[in-house]
Amino acid sequence: MGSGFSLTSSWGVPSREVMLVLIALLLAVFVLPSPWGLVSVAVAAVLDIAETGLFIWWSKRRKATVGVDTLVGKVGVASSDLWPQGQVKIRGELWQARCAGGCDAGTRVVVRAVEGLLLVVDPA
């Protein structure tokens, strides 16, 4: 079972979060004096949209720190001859790699791209 957001529970009834928002909305509109109920709902909507936009901006501002895509730009050492394929060692891990120009074992290489689990490298 996923832990994502759902409007309904597993029994088909609205979830607690949806019920709380609906109760707060009804209280704001019907309990507060005439103009203030609508003003509070509008302010809450603007704050919610701003908070969501800020969260999206915050989550996209940093590069990924996990996965093979983080290897692009990293420098490693050819563990075997790359004529054109062989192995390179980057951050203590051995990877299958391809070097179009070729290079000998012990040469420093830079990762230019990732194709599946194969690194495309060039001599540094």
PDB file of N, CA and C in Angstrom:
ATOM      1  N   MET A   1       0.837  -1.187   0.000  1.00  0.00           N
ATOM      2  CA  MET A   1       0.000   0.000   0.000  1.00  0.00           C
ATOM      3  C   MET A   1       0.875   1.241   0.000  1.00  0.00           C
ATOM      4  N   GLY A   2       0.554   2.220  -0.839  1.00  0.00           N
ATOM      5  CA  GLY A   2       1.323   3.451  -0.904  1.00  0.00           C
ATOM      6  C   GLY A   2       0.959   4.385   0.228  1.00  0.00           C
ATOM      7  N   SER A   3       1.810   5.333   0.487  1.00  0.00           N
ATOM      8  CA  SER A   3       1.552   6.287   1.550  1.00  0.00           C
ATOM      9  C   SER A   3       1.223   7.653   0.967  1.00  0.00           C
ATOM     10  N   GLY A   4       0.721   7.693  -0.262  1.00  0.00           N
ATOM     11  CA  GLY A   4       0.405   8.951  -0.924  1.00  0.00           C
ATOM     12  C   GLY A   4      -0.880   9.553  -0.394  1.00  0.00           C
ATOM     13  N   PHE A   5      -1.180  10.764  -0.849  1.00  0.00           N
ATOM     14  CA  PHE A   5      -2.374  11.479  -0.439  1.00  0.00           C
ATOM     15  C   PHE A   5      -3.574  10.915  -1.167  1.00  0.00           C
ATOM     16  N   SER A   6      -4.671  10.729  -0.461  1.00  0.00           N
ATOM     17  CA  SER A   6      -5.887  10.217  -1.063  1.00  0.00           C
ATOM     18  C   SER A   6      -7.066  10.997  -0.512  1.00  0.00           C
ATOM     19  N   LEU A   7      -8.039  11.269  -1.382  1.00  0.00           N
ATOM     20  CA  LEU A   7      -9.228  11.979  -0.925  1.00  0.00           C
ATOM     21  C   LEU A   7     -10.175  11.069  -0.156  1.00  0.00           C
ATOM     22  N   THR A   8     -10.049   9.776  -0.364  1.00  0.00           N
ATOM     23  CA  THR A   8     -10.922   8.842   0.335  1.00  0.00           C
ATOM     24  C   THR A   8     -10.089   7.806   1.069  1.00  0.00           C
ATOM     25  N   SER A   9     -10.683   7.249   2.122  1.00  0.00           N
ATOM     26  CA  SER A   9     -10.012   6.174   2.860  1.00  0.00           C
ATOM     27  C   SER A   9     -10.214   4.869   2.104  1.00  0.00           C
ATOM     28  N   SER A  10      -9.710   3.783   2.669  1.00  0.00           N
ATOM     29  CA  SER A  10      -9.850   2.486   2.000  1.00  0.00           C
ATOM     30  C   SER A  10     -11.304   2.023   1.956  1.00  0.00           C
ATOM     31  N   TRP A  11     -12.197   2.603   2.772  1.00  0.00           N
ATOM     32  CA  TRP A  11     -13.613   2.216   2.764  1.00  0.00           C
ATOM     33  C   TRP A  11     -14.451   3.100   1.852  1.00  0.00           C
ATOM     34  N   GLY A  12     -13.818   4.095   1.189  1.00  0.00           N
ATOM     35  CA  GLY A  12     -14.564   4.943   0.275  1.00  0.00           C
ATOM     36  C   GLY A  12     -15.133   6.198   0.902  1.00  0.00           C
ATOM     37  N   VAL A  13     -14.881   6.436   2.188  1.00  0.00           N
ATOM     38  CA  VAL A  13     -15.359   7.667   2.827  1.00  0.00           C
ATOM     39  C   VAL A  13     -14.257   8.711   2.761  1.00  0.00           C
ATOM     40  N   PRO A  14     -14.615   9.999   2.770  1.00  0.00           N
ATOM     41  CA  PRO A  14     -13.583  11.045   2.704  1.00  0.00           C
ATOM     42  C   PRO A  14     -12.584  10.912   3.848  1.00  0.00           C
ATOM     43  N   SER A  15     -11.318  11.202   3.565  1.00  0.00           N
ATOM     44  CA  SER A  15     -10.270  11.086   4.580  1.00  0.00           C
ATOM     45  C   SER A  15     -10.394  12.193   5.618  1.00  0.00           C
ATOM     46  N   ARG A  16      -9.650  12.028   6.711  1.00  0.00           N
ATOM     47  CA  ARG A  16      -9.685  13.004   7.793  1.00  0.00           C
ATOM     48  C   ARG A  16      -9.270  14.387   7.331  1.00  0.00           C
ATOM     49  N   GLU A  17      -8.221  14.463   6.483  1.00  0.00           N
ATOM     50  CA  GLU A  17      -7.727  15.764   6.034  1.00  0.00           C
ATOM     51  C   GLU A  17      -8.792  16.508   5.235  1.00  0.00           C
ATOM     52  N   VAL A  18      -9.480  15.784   4.353  1.00  0.00           N
ATOM     53  CA  VAL A  18     -10.525  16.406   3.544  1.00  0.00           C
ATOM     54  C   VAL A  18     -11.652  16.878   4.443  1.00  0.00           C
ATOM     55  N   MET A  19     -12.031  16.073   5.416  1.00  0.00           N
ATOM     56  CA  MET A  19     -13.110  16.460   6.337  1.00  0.00           C
ATOM     57  C   MET A  19     -12.727  17.692   7.151  1.00  0.00           C
ATOM     58  N   LEU A  20     -11.476  17.754   7.625  1.00  0.00           N
ATOM     59  CA  LEU A  20     -11.055  18.920   8.403  1.00  0.00           C
ATOM     60  C   LEU A  20     -11.056  20.185   7.559  1.00  0.00           C
ATOM     61  N   VAL A  21     -10.619  20.094   6.315  1.00  0.00           N
ATOM     62  CA  VAL A  21     -10.623  21.264   5.434  1.00  0.00           C
ATOM     63  C   VAL A  21     -12.059  21.714   5.161  1.00  0.00           C
ATOM     64  N   LEU A  22     -12.954  20.776   4.918  1.00  0.00           N
ATOM     65  CA  LEU A  22     -14.353  21.140   4.673  1.00  0.00           C
ATOM     66  C   LEU A  22     -14.993  21.778   5.904  1.00  0.00           C
ATOM     67  N   ILE A  23     -14.710  21.250   7.090  1.00  0.00           N
ATOM     68  CA  ILE A  23     -15.251  21.838   8.324  1.00  0.00           C
ATOM     69  C   ILE A  23     -14.702  23.245   8.525  1.00  0.00           C
ATOM     70  N   ALA A  24     -13.392  23.431   8.318  1.00  0.00           N
ATOM     71  CA  ALA A  24     -12.796  24.760   8.471  1.00  0.00           C
ATOM     72  C   ALA A  24     -13.388  25.739   7.461  1.00  0.00           C
ATOM     73  N   LEU A  25     -13.604  25.288   6.245  1.00  0.00           N
ATOM     74  CA  LEU A  25     -14.184  26.137   5.211  1.00  0.00           C
ATOM     75  C   LEU A  25     -15.605  26.543   5.580  1.00  0.00           C
ATOM     76  N   LEU A  26     -16.412  25.585   6.024  1.00  0.00           N
ATOM     77  CA  LEU A  26     -17.785  25.896   6.422  1.00  0.00           C
ATOM     78  C   LEU A  26     -17.823  26.827   7.623  1.00  0.00           C
ATOM     79  N   LEU A  27     -16.947  26.605   8.600  1.00  0.00           N
ATOM     80  CA  LEU A  27     -16.899  27.502   9.768  1.00  0.00           C
ATOM     81  C   LEU A  27     -16.491  28.912   9.360  1.00  0.00           C
ATOM     82  N   ALA A  28     -15.513  29.034   8.469  1.00  0.00           N
ATOM     83  CA  ALA A  28     -15.050  30.356   8.046  1.00  0.00           C
ATOM     84  C   ALA A  28     -16.145  31.100   7.307  1.00  0.00           C
ATOM     85  N   VAL A  29     -16.903  30.412   6.482  1.00  0.00           N
ATOM     86  CA  VAL A  29     -17.931  31.088   5.687  1.00  0.00           C
ATOM     87  C   VAL A  29     -19.173  31.401   6.512  1.00  0.00           C
ATOM     88  N   PHE A  30     -19.616  30.462   7.358  1.00  0.00           N
ATOM     89  CA  PHE A  30     -20.900  30.641   8.041  1.00  0.00           C
ATOM     90  C   PHE A  30     -20.804  31.186   9.461  1.00  0.00           C
ATOM     91  N   VAL A  31     -19.660  31.117  10.121  1.00  0.00           N
ATOM     92  CA  VAL A  31     -19.562  31.576  11.507  1.00  0.00           C
ATOM     93  C   VAL A  31     -18.984  32.979  11.586  1.00  0.00           C
ATOM     94  N   LEU A  32     -17.981  33.269  10.787  1.00  0.00           N
ATOM     95  CA  LEU A  32     -17.385  34.606  10.814  1.00  0.00           C
ATOM     96  C   LEU A  32     -18.352  35.624  10.207  1.00  0.00           C
ATOM     97  N   PRO A  33     -18.242  36.894  10.649  1.00  0.00           N
ATOM     98  CA  PRO A  33     -19.124  37.933  10.087  1.00  0.00           C
ATOM     99  C   PRO A  33     -18.959  38.032   8.571  1.00  0.00           C
ATOM    100  N   SER A  34     -19.951  38.613   7.935  1.00  0.00           N
ATOM    101  CA  SER A  34     -20.129  38.592   6.488  1.00  0.00           C
ATOM    102  C   SER A  34     -18.882  38.760   5.630  1.00  0.00           C
ATOM    103  N   PRO A  35     -18.155  39.848   5.647  1.00  0.00           N
ATOM    104  CA  PRO A  35     -17.043  39.904   4.687  1.00  0.00           C
ATOM    105  C   PRO A  35     -15.829  39.093   5.141  1.00  0.00           C
ATOM    106  N   TRP A  36     -15.687  38.860   6.456  1.00  0.00           N
ATOM    107  CA  TRP A  36     -14.468  38.242   6.971  1.00  0.00           C
ATOM    108  C   TRP A  36     -14.382  36.750   6.691  1.00  0.00           C
ATOM    109  N   GLY A  37     -15.477  36.078   6.532  1.00  0.00           N
ATOM    110  CA  GLY A  37     -15.461  34.673   6.193  1.00  0.00           C
ATOM    111  C   GLY A  37     -14.856  34.431   4.823  1.00  0.00           C
ATOM    112  N   LEU A  38     -15.309  35.213   3.850  1.00  0.00           N
ATOM    113  CA  LEU A  38     -14.773  35.080   2.495  1.00  0.00           C
ATOM    114  C   LEU A  38     -13.328  35.564   2.417  1.00  0.00           C
ATOM    115  N   VAL A  39     -13.008  36.615   3.184  1.00  0.00           N
ATOM    116  CA  VAL A  39     -11.631  37.117   3.204  1.00  0.00           C
ATOM    117  C   VAL A  39     -10.698  36.055   3.777  1.00  0.00           C
ATOM    118  N   SER A  40     -11.093  35.409   4.850  1.00  0.00           N
ATOM    119  CA  SER A  40     -10.225  34.391   5.456  1.00  0.00           C
ATOM    120  C   SER A  40     -10.040  33.200   4.516  1.00  0.00           C
ATOM    121  N   VAL A  41     -11.077  32.818   3.788  1.00  0.00           N
ATOM    122  CA  VAL A  41     -10.945  31.720   2.824  1.00  0.00           C
ATOM    123  C   VAL A  41      -9.999  32.128   1.691  1.00  0.00           C
ATOM    124  N   ALA A  42     -10.132  33.361   1.189  1.00  0.00           N
ATOM    125  CA  ALA A  42      -9.258  33.839   0.116  1.00  0.00           C
ATOM    126  C   ALA A  42      -7.806  33.914   0.581  1.00  0.00           C
ATOM    127  N   VAL A  43      -7.573  34.428   1.787  1.00  0.00           N
ATOM    128  CA  VAL A  43      -6.209  34.513   2.319  1.00  0.00           C
ATOM    129  C   VAL A  43      -5.623  33.119   2.504  1.00  0.00           C
ATOM    130  N   ALA A  44      -6.415  32.193   3.005  1.00  0.00           N
ATOM    131  CA  ALA A  44      -5.933  30.821   3.184  1.00  0.00           C
ATOM    132  C   ALA A  44      -5.586  30.187   1.836  1.00  0.00           C
ATOM    133  N   ALA A  45      -6.384  30.456   0.815  1.00  0.00           N
ATOM    134  CA  ALA A  45      -6.103  29.905  -0.514  1.00  0.00           C
ATOM    135  C   ALA A  45      -4.812  30.482  -1.082  1.00  0.00           C
ATOM    136  N   VAL A  46      -4.614  31.787  -0.933  1.00  0.00           N
ATOM    137  CA  VAL A  46      -3.380  32.414  -1.423  1.00  0.00           C
ATOM    138  C   VAL A  46      -2.167  31.867  -0.682  1.00  0.00           C
ATOM    139  N   LEU A  47      -2.260  31.732   0.635  1.00  0.00           N
ATOM    140  CA  LEU A  47      -1.153  31.169   1.412  1.00  0.00           C
ATOM    141  C   LEU A  47      -0.862  29.727   1.005  1.00  0.00           C
ATOM    142  N   ASP A  48      -1.901  28.956   0.744  1.00  0.00           N
ATOM    143  CA  ASP A  48      -1.708  27.566   0.337  1.00  0.00           C
ATOM    144  C   ASP A  48      -1.017  27.483  -1.020  1.00  0.00           C
ATOM    145  N   ILE A  49      -1.426  28.308  -1.964  1.00  0.00           N
ATOM    146  CA  ILE A  49      -0.799  28.326  -3.289  1.00  0.00           C
ATOM    147  C   ILE A  49       0.653  28.793  -3.187  1.00  0.00           C
ATOM    148  N   ALA A  50       0.919  29.823  -2.383  1.00  0.00           N
ATOM    149  CA  ALA A  50       2.292  30.312  -2.200  1.00  0.00           C
ATOM    150  C   ALA A  50       3.169  29.246  -1.541  1.00  0.00           C
ATOM    151  N   GLU A  51       2.632  28.555  -0.550  1.00  0.00           N
ATOM    152  CA  GLU A  51       3.386  27.497   0.129  1.00  0.00           C
ATOM    153  C   GLU A  51       3.704  26.355  -0.834  1.00  0.00           C
ATOM    154  N   THR A  52       2.748  25.986  -1.663  1.00  0.00           N
ATOM    155  CA  THR A  52       2.977  24.923  -2.642  1.00  0.00           C
ATOM    156  C   THR A  52       4.035  25.343  -3.659  1.00  0.00           C
ATOM    157  N   GLY A  53       3.947  26.569  -4.155  1.00  0.00           N
ATOM    158  CA  GLY A  53       4.951  27.075  -5.098  1.00  0.00           C
ATOM    159  C   GLY A  53       6.334  27.120  -4.480  1.00  0.00           C
ATOM    160  N   LEU A  54       6.429  27.559  -3.233  1.00  0.00           N
ATOM    161  CA  LEU A  54       7.709  27.603  -2.535  1.00  0.00           C
ATOM    162  C   LEU A  54       8.276  26.201  -2.350  1.00  0.00           C
ATOM    163  N   PHE A  55       7.439  25.238  -2.028  1.00  0.00           N
ATOM    164  CA  PHE A  55       7.898  23.864  -1.865  1.00  0.00           C
ATOM    165  C   PHE A  55       8.422  23.292  -3.186  1.00  0.00           C
ATOM    166  N   ILE A  56       7.718  23.549  -4.274  1.00  0.00           N
ATOM    167  CA  ILE A  56       8.168  23.060  -5.584  1.00  0.00           C
ATOM    168  C   ILE A  56       9.499  23.702  -5.947  1.00  0.00           C
ATOM    169  N   TRP A  57       9.648  25.012  -5.749  1.00  0.00           N
ATOM    170  CA  TRP A  57      10.907  25.699  -6.048  1.00  0.00           C
ATOM    171  C   TRP A  57      12.031  25.123  -5.186  1.00  0.00           C
ATOM    172  N   TRP A  58      11.771  24.922  -3.912  1.00  0.00           N
ATOM    173  CA  TRP A  58      12.785  24.421  -2.981  1.00  0.00           C
ATOM    174  C   TRP A  58      13.246  23.022  -3.365  1.00  0.00           C
ATOM    175  N   SER A  59      12.311  22.174  -3.799  1.00  0.00           N
ATOM    176  CA  SER A  59      12.671  20.798  -4.124  1.00  0.00           C
ATOM    177  C   SER A  59      13.418  20.690  -5.448  1.00  0.00           C
ATOM    178  N   LYS A  60      13.274  21.655  -6.346  1.00  0.00           N
ATOM    179  CA  LYS A  60      13.942  21.591  -7.644  1.00  0.00           C
ATOM    180  C   LYS A  60      15.253  22.355  -7.699  1.00  0.00           C
ATOM    181  N   ARG A  61      15.615  23.064  -6.666  1.00  0.00           N
ATOM    182  CA  ARG A  61      16.799  23.918  -6.720  1.00  0.00           C
ATOM    183  C   ARG A  61      18.108  23.158  -6.570  1.00  0.00           C
ATOM    184  N   ARG A  62      18.063  21.958  -6.025  1.00  0.00           N
ATOM    185  CA  ARG A  62      19.280  21.174  -5.847  1.00  0.00           C
ATOM    186  C   ARG A  62      19.326  20.020  -6.827  1.00  0.00           C
ATOM    187  N   LYS A  63      20.530  19.638  -7.222  1.00  0.00           N
ATOM    188  CA  LYS A  63      20.693  18.489  -8.090  1.00  0.00           C
ATOM    189  C   LYS A  63      20.512  17.210  -7.285  1.00  0.00           C
ATOM    190  N   ALA A  64      20.198  16.136  -7.993  1.00  0.00           N
ATOM    191  CA  ALA A  64      20.054  14.842  -7.336  1.00  0.00           C
ATOM    192  C   ALA A  64      21.391  14.418  -6.740  1.00  0.00           C
ATOM    193  N   THR A  65      21.334  13.780  -5.583  1.00  0.00           N
ATOM    194  CA  THR A  65      22.563  13.331  -4.936  1.00  0.00           C
ATOM    195  C   THR A  65      22.697  11.819  -4.947  1.00  0.00           C
ATOM    196  N   VAL A  66      21.740  11.138  -5.556  1.00  0.00           N
ATOM    197  CA  VAL A  66      21.799   9.682  -5.669  1.00  0.00           C
ATOM    198  C   VAL A  66      21.514   9.276  -7.103  1.00  0.00           C
ATOM    199  N   GLY A  67      21.937   8.077  -7.470  1.00  0.00           N
ATOM    200  CA  GLY A  67      21.675   7.568  -8.804  1.00  0.00           C
ATOM    201  C   GLY A  67      22.878   7.751  -9.719  1.00  0.00           C
ATOM    202  N   VAL A  68      22.825   7.060 -10.855  1.00  0.00           N
ATOM    203  CA  VAL A  68      23.958   7.086 -11.778  1.00  0.00           C
ATOM    204  C   VAL A  68      24.132   8.443 -12.450  1.00  0.00           C
ATOM    205  N   ASP A  69      23.083   9.252 -12.538  1.00  0.00           N
ATOM    206  CA  ASP A  69      23.205  10.561 -13.178  1.00  0.00           C
ATOM    207  C   ASP A  69      24.124  11.508 -12.416  1.00  0.00           C
ATOM    208  N   THR A  70      24.350  11.244 -11.140  1.00  0.00           N
ATOM    209  CA  THR A  70      25.240  12.095 -10.359  1.00  0.00           C
ATOM    210  C   THR A  70      26.705  11.877 -10.732  1.00  0.00           C
ATOM    211  N   LEU A  71      26.987  10.841 -11.505  1.00  0.00           N
ATOM    212  CA  LEU A  71      28.371  10.556 -11.905  1.00  0.00           C
ATOM    213  C   LEU A  71      28.849  11.452 -13.042  1.00  0.00           C
ATOM    214  N   VAL A  72      27.928  12.084 -13.770  1.00  0.00           N
ATOM    215  CA  VAL A  72      28.325  12.941 -14.896  1.00  0.00           C
ATOM    216  C   VAL A  72      29.176  14.095 -14.361  1.00  0.00           C
ATOM    217  N   GLY A  73      30.358  14.249 -14.955  1.00  0.00           N
ATOM    218  CA  GLY A  73      31.286  15.290 -14.532  1.00  0.00           C
ATOM    219  C   GLY A  73      32.316  14.823 -13.519  1.00  0.00           C
ATOM    220  N   LYS A  74      32.140  13.652 -12.947  1.00  0.00           N
ATOM    221  CA  LYS A  74      33.089  13.135 -11.947  1.00  0.00           C
ATOM    222  C   LYS A  74      34.343  12.597 -12.633  1.00  0.00           C
ATOM    223  N   VAL A  75      35.447  12.650 -11.920  1.00  0.00           N
ATOM    224  CA  VAL A  75      36.729  12.181 -12.437  1.00  0.00           C
ATOM    225  C   VAL A  75      37.040  10.836 -11.803  1.00  0.00           C
ATOM    226  N   GLY A  76      37.528   9.911 -12.620  1.00  0.00           N
ATOM    227  CA  GLY A  76      37.911   8.602 -12.131  1.00  0.00           C
ATOM    228  C   GLY A  76      39.194   8.136 -12.806  1.00  0.00           C
ATOM    229  N   VAL A  77      39.534   6.874 -12.590  1.00  0.00           N
ATOM    230  CA  VAL A  77      40.751   6.289 -13.153  1.00  0.00           C
ATOM    231  C   VAL A  77      40.365   5.040 -13.926  1.00  0.00           C
ATOM    232  N   ALA A  78      40.927   4.885 -15.119  1.00  0.00           N
ATOM    233  CA  ALA A  78      40.675   3.685 -15.917  1.00  0.00           C
ATOM    234  C   ALA A  78      41.347   2.497 -15.237  1.00  0.00           C
ATOM    235  N   SER A  79      40.562   1.492 -14.866  1.00  0.00           N
ATOM    236  CA  SER A  79      41.095   0.296 -14.211  1.00  0.00           C
ATOM    237  C   SER A  79      41.634  -0.703 -15.236  1.00  0.00           C
ATOM    238  N   SER A  80      41.123  -0.622 -16.441  1.00  0.00           N
ATOM    239  CA  SER A  80      41.598  -1.484 -17.526  1.00  0.00           C
ATOM    240  C   SER A  80      41.696  -0.631 -18.786  1.00  0.00           C
ATOM    241  N   ASP A  81      42.313  -1.171 -19.814  1.00  0.00           N
ATOM    242  CA  ASP A  81      42.404  -0.435 -21.072  1.00  0.00           C
ATOM    243  C   ASP A  81      41.002  -0.192 -21.625  1.00  0.00           C
ATOM    244  N   LEU A  82      40.775   1.010 -22.112  1.00  0.00           N
ATOM    245  CA  LEU A  82      39.487   1.368 -22.710  1.00  0.00           C
ATOM    246  C   LEU A  82      39.679   1.516 -24.218  1.00  0.00           C
ATOM    247  N   TRP A  83      39.669   0.392 -24.932  1.00  0.00           N
ATOM    248  CA  TRP A  83      39.823   0.411 -26.396  1.00  0.00           C
ATOM    249  C   TRP A  83      38.689  -0.347 -27.041  1.00  0.00           C
ATOM    250  N   PRO A  84      37.514   0.047 -27.161  1.00  0.00           N
ATOM    251  CA  PRO A  84      36.910   1.253 -26.614  1.00  0.00           C
ATOM    252  C   PRO A  84      36.226   1.014 -25.275  1.00  0.00           C
ATOM    253  N   GLN A  85      36.005  -0.273 -24.866  1.00  0.00           N
ATOM    254  CA  GLN A  85      35.313  -0.519 -23.601  1.00  0.00           C
ATOM    255  C   GLN A  85      36.235  -1.160 -22.580  1.00  0.00           C
ATOM    256  N   GLY A  86      35.910  -0.900 -21.319  1.00  0.00           N
ATOM    257  CA  GLY A  86      36.665  -1.467 -20.213  1.00  0.00           C
ATOM    258  C   GLY A  86      36.015  -1.054 -18.911  1.00  0.00           C
ATOM    259  N   GLN A  87      36.820  -0.928 -17.853  1.00  0.00           N
ATOM    260  CA  GLN A  87      36.299  -0.545 -16.546  1.00  0.00           C
ATOM    261  C   GLN A  87      37.011   0.691 -16.027  1.00  0.00           C
ATOM    262  N   VAL A  88      36.247   1.510 -15.294  1.00  0.00           N
ATOM    263  CA  VAL A  88      36.808   2.674 -14.614  1.00  0.00           C
ATOM    264  C   VAL A  88      36.409   2.605 -13.153  1.00  0.00           C
ATOM    265  N   LYS A  89      37.210   3.243 -12.316  1.00  0.00           N
ATOM    266  CA  LYS A  89      36.921   3.303 -10.884  1.00  0.00           C
ATOM    267  C   LYS A  89      36.601   4.748 -10.542  1.00  0.00           C
ATOM    268  N   ILE A  90      35.385   4.953 -10.041  1.00  0.00           N
ATOM    269  CA  ILE A  90      34.924   6.284  -9.656  1.00  0.00           C
ATOM    270  C   ILE A  90      34.331   6.187  -8.268  1.00  0.00           C
ATOM    271  N   ARG A  91      34.821   7.008  -7.354  1.00  0.00           N
ATOM    272  CA  ARG A  91      34.371   7.023  -5.960  1.00  0.00           C
ATOM    273  C   ARG A  91      34.406   5.634  -5.342  1.00  0.00           C
ATOM    274  N   GLY A  92      35.442   4.862  -5.672  1.00  0.00           N
ATOM    275  CA  GLY A  92      35.629   3.551  -5.086  1.00  0.00           C
ATOM    276  C   GLY A  92      34.796   2.451  -5.712  1.00  0.00           C
ATOM    277  N   GLU A  93      34.065   2.734  -6.790  1.00  0.00           N
ATOM    278  CA  GLU A  93      33.223   1.740  -7.438  1.00  0.00           C
ATOM    279  C   GLU A  93      33.731   1.475  -8.848  1.00  0.00           C
ATOM    280  N   LEU A  94      33.669   0.213  -9.264  1.00  0.00           N
ATOM    281  CA  LEU A  94      34.033  -0.150 -10.631  1.00  0.00           C
ATOM    282  C   LEU A  94      32.803  -0.065 -11.530  1.00  0.00           C
ATOM    283  N   TRP A  95      32.972   0.588 -12.682  1.00  0.00           N
ATOM    284  CA  TRP A  95      31.891   0.754 -13.650  1.00  0.00           C
ATOM    285  C   TRP A  95      32.377   0.321 -15.026  1.00  0.00           C
ATOM    286  N   GLN A  96      31.465  -0.236 -15.812  1.00  0.00           N
ATOM    287  CA  GLN A  96      31.754  -0.487 -17.213  1.00  0.00           C
ATOM    288  C   GLN A  96      31.731   0.859 -17.923  1.00  0.00           C
ATOM    289  N   ALA A  97      32.712   1.079 -18.806  1.00  0.00           N
ATOM    290  CA  ALA A  97      32.809   2.378 -19.459  1.00  0.00           C
ATOM    291  C   ALA A  97      33.237   2.214 -20.908  1.00  0.00           C
ATOM    292  N   ARG A  98      32.945   3.270 -21.682  1.00  0.00           N
ATOM    293  CA  ARG A  98      33.357   3.326 -23.072  1.00  0.00           C
ATOM    294  C   ARG A  98      34.034   4.663 -23.314  1.00  0.00           C
ATOM    295  N   CYS A  99      35.193   4.604 -23.975  1.00  0.00           N
ATOM    296  CA  CYS A  99      35.942   5.821 -24.308  1.00  0.00           C
ATOM    297  C   CYS A  99      36.132   5.825 -25.827  1.00  0.00           C
ATOM    298  N   ALA A 100      35.524   6.777 -26.513  1.00  0.00           N
ATOM    299  CA  ALA A 100      35.564   6.817 -27.982  1.00  0.00           C
ATOM    300  C   ALA A 100      36.993   6.922 -28.495  1.00  0.00           C
ATOM    301  N   GLY A 101      37.804   7.748 -27.862  1.00  0.00           N
ATOM    302  CA  GLY A 101      39.192   7.915 -28.294  1.00  0.00           C
ATOM    303  C   GLY A 101      40.109   6.837 -27.757  1.00  0.00           C
ATOM    304  N   GLY A 102      39.641   6.112 -26.748  1.00  0.00           N
ATOM    305  CA  GLY A 102      40.447   5.079 -26.124  1.00  0.00           C
ATOM    306  C   GLY A 102      41.477   5.640 -25.168  1.00  0.00           C
ATOM    307  N   CYS A 103      41.870   4.842 -24.173  1.00  0.00           N
ATOM    308  CA  CYS A 103      42.928   5.226 -23.246  1.00  0.00           C
ATOM    309  C   CYS A 103      43.443   3.975 -22.532  1.00  0.00           C
ATOM    310  N   ASP A 104      44.610   4.094 -21.950  1.00  0.00           N
ATOM    311  CA  ASP A 104      45.240   2.980 -21.251  1.00  0.00           C
ATOM    312  C   ASP A 104      44.814   2.944 -19.790  1.00  0.00           C
ATOM    313  N   ALA A 105      45.055   1.809 -19.144  1.00  0.00           N
ATOM    314  CA  ALA A 105      44.767   1.672 -17.717  1.00  0.00           C
ATOM    315  C   ALA A 105      45.611   2.680 -16.937  1.00  0.00           C
ATOM    316  N   GLY A 106      45.021   3.258 -15.891  1.00  0.00           N
ATOM    317  CA  GLY A 106      45.707   4.240 -15.066  1.00  0.00           C
ATOM    318  C   GLY A 106      45.471   5.675 -15.502  1.00  0.00           C
ATOM    319  N   THR A 107      44.836   5.882 -16.647  1.00  0.00           N
ATOM    320  CA  THR A 107      44.562   7.232 -17.149  1.00  0.00           C
ATOM    321  C   THR A 107      43.369   7.825 -16.403  1.00  0.00           C
ATOM    322  N   ARG A 108      43.489   9.110 -16.060  1.00  0.00           N
ATOM    323  CA  ARG A 108      42.361   9.801 -15.435  1.00  0.00           C
ATOM    324  C   ARG A 108      41.315  10.084 -16.511  1.00  0.00           C
ATOM    325  N   VAL A 109      40.042   9.824 -16.180  1.00  0.00           N
ATOM    326  CA  VAL A 109      38.952  10.019 -17.129  1.00  0.00           C
ATOM    327  C   VAL A 109      37.842  10.837 -16.484  1.00  0.00           C
ATOM    328  N   VAL A 110      37.038  11.485 -17.334  1.00  0.00           N
ATOM    329  CA  VAL A 110      35.895  12.280 -16.887  1.00  0.00           C
ATOM    330  C   VAL A 110      34.636  11.670 -17.490  1.00  0.00           C
ATOM    331  N   VAL A 111      33.610  11.501 -16.674  1.00  0.00           N
ATOM    332  CA  VAL A 111      32.347  10.944 -17.151  1.00  0.00           C
ATOM    333  C   VAL A 111      31.589  12.035 -17.906  1.00  0.00           C
ATOM    334  N   ARG A 112      31.227  11.740 -19.156  1.00  0.00           N
ATOM    335  CA  ARG A 112      30.493  12.700 -19.995  1.00  0.00           C
ATOM    336  C   ARG A 112      29.010  12.374 -20.082  1.00  0.00           C
ATOM    337  N   ALA A 113      28.652  11.086 -20.000  1.00  0.00           N
ATOM    338  CA  ALA A 113      27.244  10.682 -20.095  1.00  0.00           C
ATOM    339  C   ALA A 113      27.076   9.306 -19.477  1.00  0.00           C
ATOM    340  N   VAL A 114      25.820   8.957 -19.248  1.00  0.00           N
ATOM    341  CA  VAL A 114      25.476   7.642 -18.718  1.00  0.00           C
ATOM    342  C   VAL A 114      24.453   7.024 -19.660  1.00  0.00           C
ATOM    343  N   GLU A 115      24.733   5.826 -20.141  1.00  0.00           N
ATOM    344  CA  GLU A 115      23.808   5.086 -21.007  1.00  0.00           C
ATOM    345  C   GLU A 115      23.469   3.779 -20.305  1.00  0.00           C
ATOM    346  N   GLY A 116      22.358   3.768 -19.596  1.00  0.00           N
ATOM    347  CA  GLY A 116      22.005   2.611 -18.770  1.00  0.00           C
ATOM    348  C   GLY A 116      22.991   2.525 -17.615  1.00  0.00           C
ATOM    349  N   LEU A 117      23.773   1.450 -17.567  1.00  0.00           N
ATOM    350  CA  LEU A 117      24.818   1.316 -16.551  1.00  0.00           C
ATOM    351  C   LEU A 117      26.206   1.407 -17.166  1.00  0.00           C
ATOM    352  N   LEU A 118      26.287   1.910 -18.398  1.00  0.00           N
ATOM    353  CA  LEU A 118      27.550   2.100 -19.079  1.00  0.00           C
ATOM    354  C   LEU A 118      27.909   3.592 -19.065  1.00  0.00           C
ATOM    355  N   LEU A 119      29.114   3.909 -18.594  1.00  0.00           N
ATOM    356  CA  LEU A 119      29.558   5.301 -18.555  1.00  0.00           C
ATOM    357  C   LEU A 119      30.290   5.640 -19.833  1.00  0.00           C
ATOM    358  N   VAL A 120      30.012   6.804 -20.382  1.00  0.00           N
ATOM    359  CA  VAL A 120      30.738   7.310 -21.539  1.00  0.00           C
ATOM    360  C   VAL A 120      31.765   8.297 -20.982  1.00  0.00           C
ATOM    361  N   VAL A 121      33.047   7.999 -21.195  1.00  0.00           N
ATOM    362  CA  VAL A 121      34.121   8.808 -20.592  1.00  0.00           C
ATOM    363  C   VAL A 121      35.060   9.340 -21.657  1.00  0.00           C
ATOM    364  N   ASP A 122      35.809  10.382 -21.270  1.00  0.00           N
ATOM    365  CA  ASP A 122      36.884  10.949 -22.069  1.00  0.00           C
ATOM    366  C   ASP A 122      38.106  11.091 -21.174  1.00  0.00           C
ATOM    367  N   PRO A 123      39.299  11.039 -21.742  1.00  0.00           N
ATOM    368  CA  PRO A 123      40.486  11.285 -20.916  1.00  0.00           C
ATOM    369  C   PRO A 123      40.436  12.678 -20.289  1.00  0.00           C
ATOM    370  N   ALA A 124      40.853  12.791 -19.034  1.00  0.00           N
ATOM    371  CA  ALA A 124      40.778  14.072 -18.321  1.00  0.00           C
ATOM    372  C   ALA A 124      41.845  15.037 -18.812  1.00  0.00           C
TER     373      ALA A 124
END
